[in-house]
Protein backbone atom coordinates (compact mmCIF):
# COMPACT_ATOMS: atom_id res chain seq x y z
CA MET A 1 0.14 -0.08 0.09
CA VAL A 2 1.03 3.45 -1.03
CA ASN A 3 1.47 6.02 1.50
CA ILE A 4 -0.58 8.56 0.28
CA ASN A 5 0.98 11.18 2.79
CA PHE A 6 4.75 10.81 2.00
CA ILE A 7 3.10 11.66 -2.16
CA PRO A 8 3.38 15.93 -1.46
CA THR A 9 6.82 15.32 0.67
CA LEU A 10 7.88 13.51 -2.63
CA ILE A 11 7.22 16.14 -4.87
CA SER A 12 8.40 19.18 -2.65
CA ILE A 13 11.74 17.20 -2.76
CA ASN A 14 12.07 16.96 -6.35
CA GLN A 15 10.64 20.46 -7.11
CA LYS A 16 13.40 21.47 -4.54
CA THR A 17 16.53 19.47 -6.15
CA LEU A 18 15.07 21.05 -9.64
CA ILE A 19 15.93 24.45 -8.74
CA MET A 20 18.56 23.95 -6.94
CA LYS A 21 20.38 22.20 -10.26
CA LYS A 22 18.48 25.32 -12.48
CA LYS A 23 20.30 27.51 -9.02
CA ILE A 24 23.72 25.44 -10.22
CA LEU A 25 23.65 25.65 -14.11
CA PHE A 26 22.08 29.22 -13.78
CA VAL A 27 25.67 30.24 -11.80
CA ALA A 28 28.04 27.95 -14.48
CA ALA A 29 26.39 30.03 -17.46
CA LEU A 30 27.35 33.07 -15.87
CA PHE A 31 30.88 31.93 -15.31
CA ALA A 32 31.03 30.74 -18.56
CA GLY A 33 29.54 33.71 -19.99
CA SER A 34 32.27 36.03 -18.17
CA LEU A 35 35.19 33.43 -18.96
CA ALA A 36 34.13 34.11 -22.08
CA PHE A 37 34.01 37.87 -22.06
CA ALA A 38 37.51 38.04 -20.65
CA GLN A 39 38.94 35.45 -23.61
CA GLY A 40 37.27 37.75 -25.62
CA THR A 41 39.19 40.45 -25.47
CA THR A 42 42.28 40.70 -27.32
CA THR A 43 45.44 41.74 -24.84
CA SER A 44 48.62 40.97 -26.72
CA MET A 45 48.85 41.37 -30.57
CA LYS A 46 51.97 41.12 -32.49
CA ASN A 47 52.73 41.96 -35.78
CA LYS A 48 54.49 40.29 -38.70
CA LYS A 49 58.45 41.54 -37.37
CA GLY A 50 56.93 40.18 -34.13
CA LEU A 51 56.37 43.75 -32.56
CA GLU A 52 53.11 44.10 -29.53
CA VAL A 53 50.31 45.92 -31.51
CA LEU A 54 48.48 46.64 -28.16
CA PRO A 55 49.58 48.72 -25.46
CA GLN A 56 50.41 46.28 -22.37
CA ALA A 57 51.15 46.30 -18.19
CA GLY A 58 53.65 48.96 -17.97
CA ASP A 59 53.05 51.47 -20.75
CA TRP A 60 52.62 54.76 -20.88
CA ALA A 61 50.63 56.80 -23.59
CA ILE A 62 50.15 60.85 -24.93
CA GLN A 63 47.01 61.48 -26.34
CA MET A 64 46.05 64.37 -28.61
CA ASN A 65 43.81 65.97 -31.03
CA ALA A 66 44.30 63.95 -34.39
CA ALA A 67 42.20 67.61 -36.71
CA PRO A 68 45.55 69.75 -37.03
CA MET A 69 47.44 66.93 -38.60
CA LEU A 70 44.72 65.63 -40.85
CA THR A 71 44.19 69.31 -41.68
CA TYR A 72 47.63 69.01 -42.55
CA LEU A 73 47.41 66.25 -45.05
CA GLY A 74 44.50 67.53 -46.50
CA SER A 75 46.05 70.79 -47.26
CA ALA A 76 48.75 69.22 -48.61
CA LEU A 77 46.73 67.10 -51.05
CA SER A 78 45.45 70.44 -52.36
CA ASN A 79 45.91 72.96 -54.42
CA ALA A 80 45.64 75.70 -51.43
CA GLY A 81 48.61 74.29 -49.54
CA ALA A 82 49.61 73.72 -45.96
CA VAL A 83 50.90 75.45 -43.07
CA SER A 84 52.13 73.52 -39.97
CA PRO A 85 49.90 71.24 -37.74
CA GLY A 86 49.94 72.19 -34.06
CA VAL A 87 49.90 69.87 -30.79
CA SER A 88 47.30 70.12 -29.03
CA SER A 89 45.04 68.24 -26.53
CA THR A 90 42.27 66.68 -26.86
CA PHE A 91 40.54 68.21 -23.32
CA GLY A 92 42.15 71.42 -24.70
CA ASN A 93 45.27 73.11 -26.05
CA SER A 94 46.99 73.50 -23.10
CA VAL A 95 46.21 70.63 -20.97
CA PHE A 96 48.66 67.81 -21.23
CA VAL A 97 46.62 64.06 -20.80
CA GLY A 98 48.66 60.96 -20.02
CA LYS A 99 47.91 57.53 -19.18
CA LYS A 100 49.89 54.75 -17.39
CA PHE A 101 49.03 50.98 -17.92
CA THR A 102 48.55 48.76 -14.96
CA SER A 103 47.25 46.10 -17.17
CA ALA A 104 46.28 45.53 -21.15
CA THR A 105 43.06 46.45 -20.17
CA GLU A 106 43.14 48.93 -17.26
CA ALA A 107 45.21 52.18 -17.81
CA TYR A 108 45.32 55.42 -15.14
CA ARG A 109 45.02 58.24 -16.51
CA VAL A 110 46.37 62.25 -15.33
CA LYS A 111 45.42 65.68 -16.64
CA LEU A 112 47.85 68.71 -16.20
CA GLY A 113 47.48 72.23 -18.17
CA ILE A 114 48.97 74.78 -17.53
CA ASN A 115 48.29 77.85 -19.45
CA PHE A 116 49.93 81.72 -18.20
CA GLN A 117 49.38 84.30 -20.73
CA ARG A 118 51.12 88.10 -20.67
CA MET A 119 50.32 90.65 -22.97
CA SER A 120 51.41 94.33 -22.66
CA VAL A 121 49.87 97.03 -25.13
CA GLU A 122 51.16 100.49 -25.23
CA SER A 123 48.68 103.10 -26.58
CA THR A 124 49.40 107.30 -27.72
CA LEU A 125 45.71 108.01 -28.24
CA PRO A 126 44.79 110.48 -27.66
CA THR A 127 48.30 112.48 -28.02
CA THR A 128 51.84 110.91 -27.50
CA ASP A 129 52.25 112.84 -24.15
CA TYR A 130 49.16 110.51 -22.39
CA LEU A 131 50.28 107.28 -23.10
CA THR A 132 48.25 104.14 -21.77
CA THR A 133 49.94 100.62 -21.20
CA THR A 134 47.28 97.86 -20.22
CA ASN A 135 48.52 94.69 -18.79
CA THR A 136 46.30 92.19 -19.78
CA ASN A 137 46.97 88.04 -17.61
CA THR A 138 45.02 85.19 -18.49
CA THR A 139 45.61 82.36 -15.74
CA SER A 140 44.37 78.53 -15.82
CA ILE A 141 45.51 75.80 -14.39
CA VAL A 142 43.71 72.34 -14.45
CA LEU A 143 44.37 69.11 -13.20
CA GLY A 144 42.69 65.71 -13.67
CA PHE A 145 43.22 61.84 -12.33
CA GLY A 146 40.83 59.16 -13.53
CA LYS A 147 40.57 55.44 -14.52
CA GLU A 148 40.06 53.85 -17.72
CA TRP A 149 38.91 49.88 -18.59
CA ARG A 150 39.03 48.32 -22.28
CA ARG A 151 38.36 45.39 -23.98
CA GLY A 152 38.41 45.02 -27.86
CA HIS A 153 38.88 41.98 -30.98
CA ASN A 154 42.48 42.70 -32.77
CA ARG A 155 43.63 46.56 -33.44
CA LEU A 156 39.72 47.66 -32.76
CA GLN A 157 39.61 48.75 -29.01
CA GLY A 158 37.13 50.21 -27.35
CA PHE A 159 37.44 52.05 -23.15
CA TYR A 160 35.56 53.62 -21.11
CA GLY A 161 35.97 55.19 -17.46
CA ALA A 162 35.59 58.32 -15.18
CA GLU A 163 37.71 60.77 -13.58
CA ALA A 164 38.02 64.12 -11.25
CA LEU A 165 38.28 66.91 -12.41
CA LEU A 166 39.77 70.94 -10.81
CA GLN A 167 40.38 73.86 -12.33
CA ILE A 168 41.72 77.10 -11.06
CA GLY A 169 42.17 80.31 -13.03
CA SER A 170 40.88 84.26 -13.96
CA PHE A 171 37.21 84.29 -14.20
CA THR A 172 37.71 86.98 -17.20
CA PRO A 173 42.06 88.58 -17.78
CA THR A 174 43.15 90.60 -15.39
CA THR A 175 43.99 94.09 -16.70
CA ASN A 176 45.78 97.12 -15.19
CA PHE A 177 45.90 100.24 -16.68
CA GLU A 178 49.55 102.36 -16.33
CA TYR A 179 49.62 105.95 -17.62
CA SER A 180 51.99 108.02 -18.38
CA LEU A 181 50.18 111.21 -16.66
CA ASP A 182 49.18 110.60 -12.83
CA LEU A 183 45.39 111.81 -12.80
CA GLN A 184 45.44 115.21 -11.53
CA ALA A 185 47.96 116.06 -14.54
CA ALA A 186 45.98 114.25 -16.84
CA VAL A 187 43.01 116.65 -15.67
CA ASP A 188 44.98 119.58 -15.48
CA SER A 189 46.05 118.81 -19.32
CA SER A 190 42.32 118.15 -20.03
CA TYR A 191 43.04 114.42 -21.64
CA GLU A 192 40.57 113.66 -18.15
CA ALA A 193 37.34 115.05 -16.93
CA LEU A 194 36.87 116.52 -13.30
CA GLY A 195 35.24 114.50 -11.42
CA SER A 196 35.08 111.24 -13.31
CA PRO A 197 36.78 108.00 -12.55
CA ARG A 198 39.72 106.69 -15.09
CA SER A 199 39.71 103.10 -14.45
CA ASN A 200 42.96 101.24 -13.17
CA GLY A 201 41.44 97.92 -14.64
CA VAL A 202 40.31 94.53 -13.67
CA THR A 203 42.49 94.04 -10.66
CA LYS A 204 41.31 90.76 -9.16
CA SER A 205 39.65 88.07 -11.22
CA SER A 206 39.29 84.35 -9.82
CA ALA A 207 37.55 81.41 -10.97
CA LEU A 208 37.45 77.27 -9.41
CA GLY A 209 35.80 74.09 -10.95
CA ILE A 210 35.55 70.68 -9.55
CA GLY A 211 34.00 68.07 -11.39
CA ALA A 212 33.75 64.84 -12.44
CA ARG A 213 33.19 62.89 -15.46
CA GLY A 214 32.76 59.58 -17.43
CA PHE A 215 33.41 58.80 -21.06
CA VAL A 216 33.75 56.46 -23.43
CA GLY A 217 35.24 56.03 -26.56
CA VAL A 218 37.09 53.80 -29.52
CA GLU A 219 40.85 53.41 -30.95
CA TYR A 220 42.09 51.23 -33.92
CA PHE A 221 45.75 50.80 -33.86
CA VAL A 222 46.86 51.53 -37.33
CA LEU A 223 50.57 51.09 -36.62
CA PRO A 224 52.15 49.15 -33.29
CA LYS A 225 51.51 50.88 -30.34
CA ILE A 226 50.40 54.09 -32.09
CA SER A 227 46.39 54.58 -32.45
CA ILE A 228 43.74 56.73 -33.73
CA GLY A 229 40.21 57.01 -32.50
CA GLY A 230 37.74 59.32 -30.77
CA GLU A 231 36.19 59.86 -27.01
CA PHE A 232 32.78 61.77 -25.98
CA GLY A 233 31.94 62.08 -22.23
CA TRP A 234 29.84 63.55 -19.94
CA GLY A 235 29.98 65.20 -16.93
CA VAL A 236 28.58 67.44 -13.68
CA GLY A 237 31.15 70.03 -11.56
CA TYR A 238 30.31 73.26 -9.86
CA MET A 239 31.68 76.53 -10.59
CA THR A 240 32.33 79.80 -9.08
CA SER A 241 34.00 83.08 -10.11
CA SER A 242 34.58 86.63 -9.07
CA GLY A 243 36.33 89.52 -9.44
CA GLU A 244 36.92 92.83 -9.01
CA GLY A 245 38.13 96.37 -10.30
CA GLU A 246 39.64 99.67 -9.56
CA ALA A 247 39.18 103.40 -10.72
CA GLU A 248 40.71 106.83 -9.31
CA ILE A 249 38.57 110.33 -9.04
CA TRP A 250 40.46 113.85 -8.96
CA ASP A 251 37.49 116.17 -7.86
CA GLY A 252 40.16 119.19 -7.57
CA THR A 253 40.91 118.64 -3.99
CA THR A 254 41.19 115.03 -3.52
CA LEU A 255 42.05 112.07 -5.02
CA THR A 256 39.94 108.98 -4.03
CA THR A 257 40.13 105.53 -4.89
CA ILE A 258 37.01 103.88 -5.50
CA THR A 259 37.24 99.98 -5.52
CA SER A 260 34.15 98.31 -7.34
CA VAL A 261 33.62 94.35 -6.30
CA GLY A 262 30.96 92.54 -9.32
CA ASP A 263 29.01 89.96 -9.21
CA LYS A 264 29.87 86.63 -7.59
CA ASN A 265 28.69 83.51 -9.65
CA SER A 266 27.95 79.86 -8.58
CA GLY A 267 26.49 76.99 -9.75
CA ILE A 268 25.98 73.44 -10.91
CA VAL A 269 26.89 72.34 -14.64
CA VAL A 270 25.86 69.41 -16.35
CA ASN A 271 26.99 69.29 -19.88
CA ASN A 272 28.50 67.44 -22.40
CA ASP A 273 32.27 67.97 -23.89
CA ASN A 274 31.07 70.47 -26.20
CA GLY A 275 29.52 72.77 -23.89
CA GLY A 276 32.54 74.84 -23.12
CA SER A 277 33.23 73.57 -19.17
CA ILE A 278 36.13 72.53 -17.32
CA PHE A 279 35.30 68.58 -18.59
CA GLY A 280 37.11 69.87 -22.07
CA GLY A 281 36.10 68.99 -25.19
CA SER A 282 37.40 65.85 -26.53
CA ALA A 283 34.50 64.74 -28.62
CA SER A 284 36.86 65.03 -31.64
CA LEU A 285 39.45 62.68 -33.31
CA ASN A 286 42.74 61.65 -31.25
CA VAL A 287 46.10 60.14 -32.07
CA VAL A 288 47.36 58.23 -28.77
CA PHE A 289 51.75 57.31 -29.00
CA HIS A 290 51.86 54.15 -26.29
CA PHE A 291 55.87 53.65 -25.51
């Protein structure tokens, strides 16, 4: 005689066994898939001369804009002539972009940009007796650090990652006006109006930006350790800026210096690379040299 009370228990045990087998098969499938994903990425490839084509652990890389080189080649093949190509970063003309590969599929990225410009212009208007010298200063420092991951097949490699960015500099160029005559002498000579301010320029200007940026791109290695590709990113950051100006007034008896404080601006920026923020403009062709 069959014990009827035992049948539900037997069915329950069989169901649990079947579920356990499915879980084991599912985990095995995930492991096999991840293993196939890793094995499907080409990490080492040599040309006919035995030279390694792809980057390897310990390699360094320098990334720059390929547009000037392509423009040069295009002009050289036309009747319009050609000019010498410039070297610029895909993240701005004054930013150095470097990479350090910890493995064939991972690399640290650094950015360093120091841009300082000083220009001096002398004006003889309205007369040579009253000279005005305008000194203009512009400062911009960009720092960045991040990491990228890579995968791909043969010469075609894709990459993605994230980085943190910091920019310190001038919100607007700092200007300083130097005059050959002091304000009292300029008023006495009718070069300046009595009681009207004479500007000394924008004496202070500062800007600070911090942010994080995600990026994705693709490279094709045309030669061993030399690739051409493109990169596009999207970032979020906080920016603040302020400025201050100075002027002088001569009322006939007293020389007064006044200081004007400009608006202080701050806000959050969410934009892509072409938005003109501290995240740069990297949505362009680039060339990367590995060594």
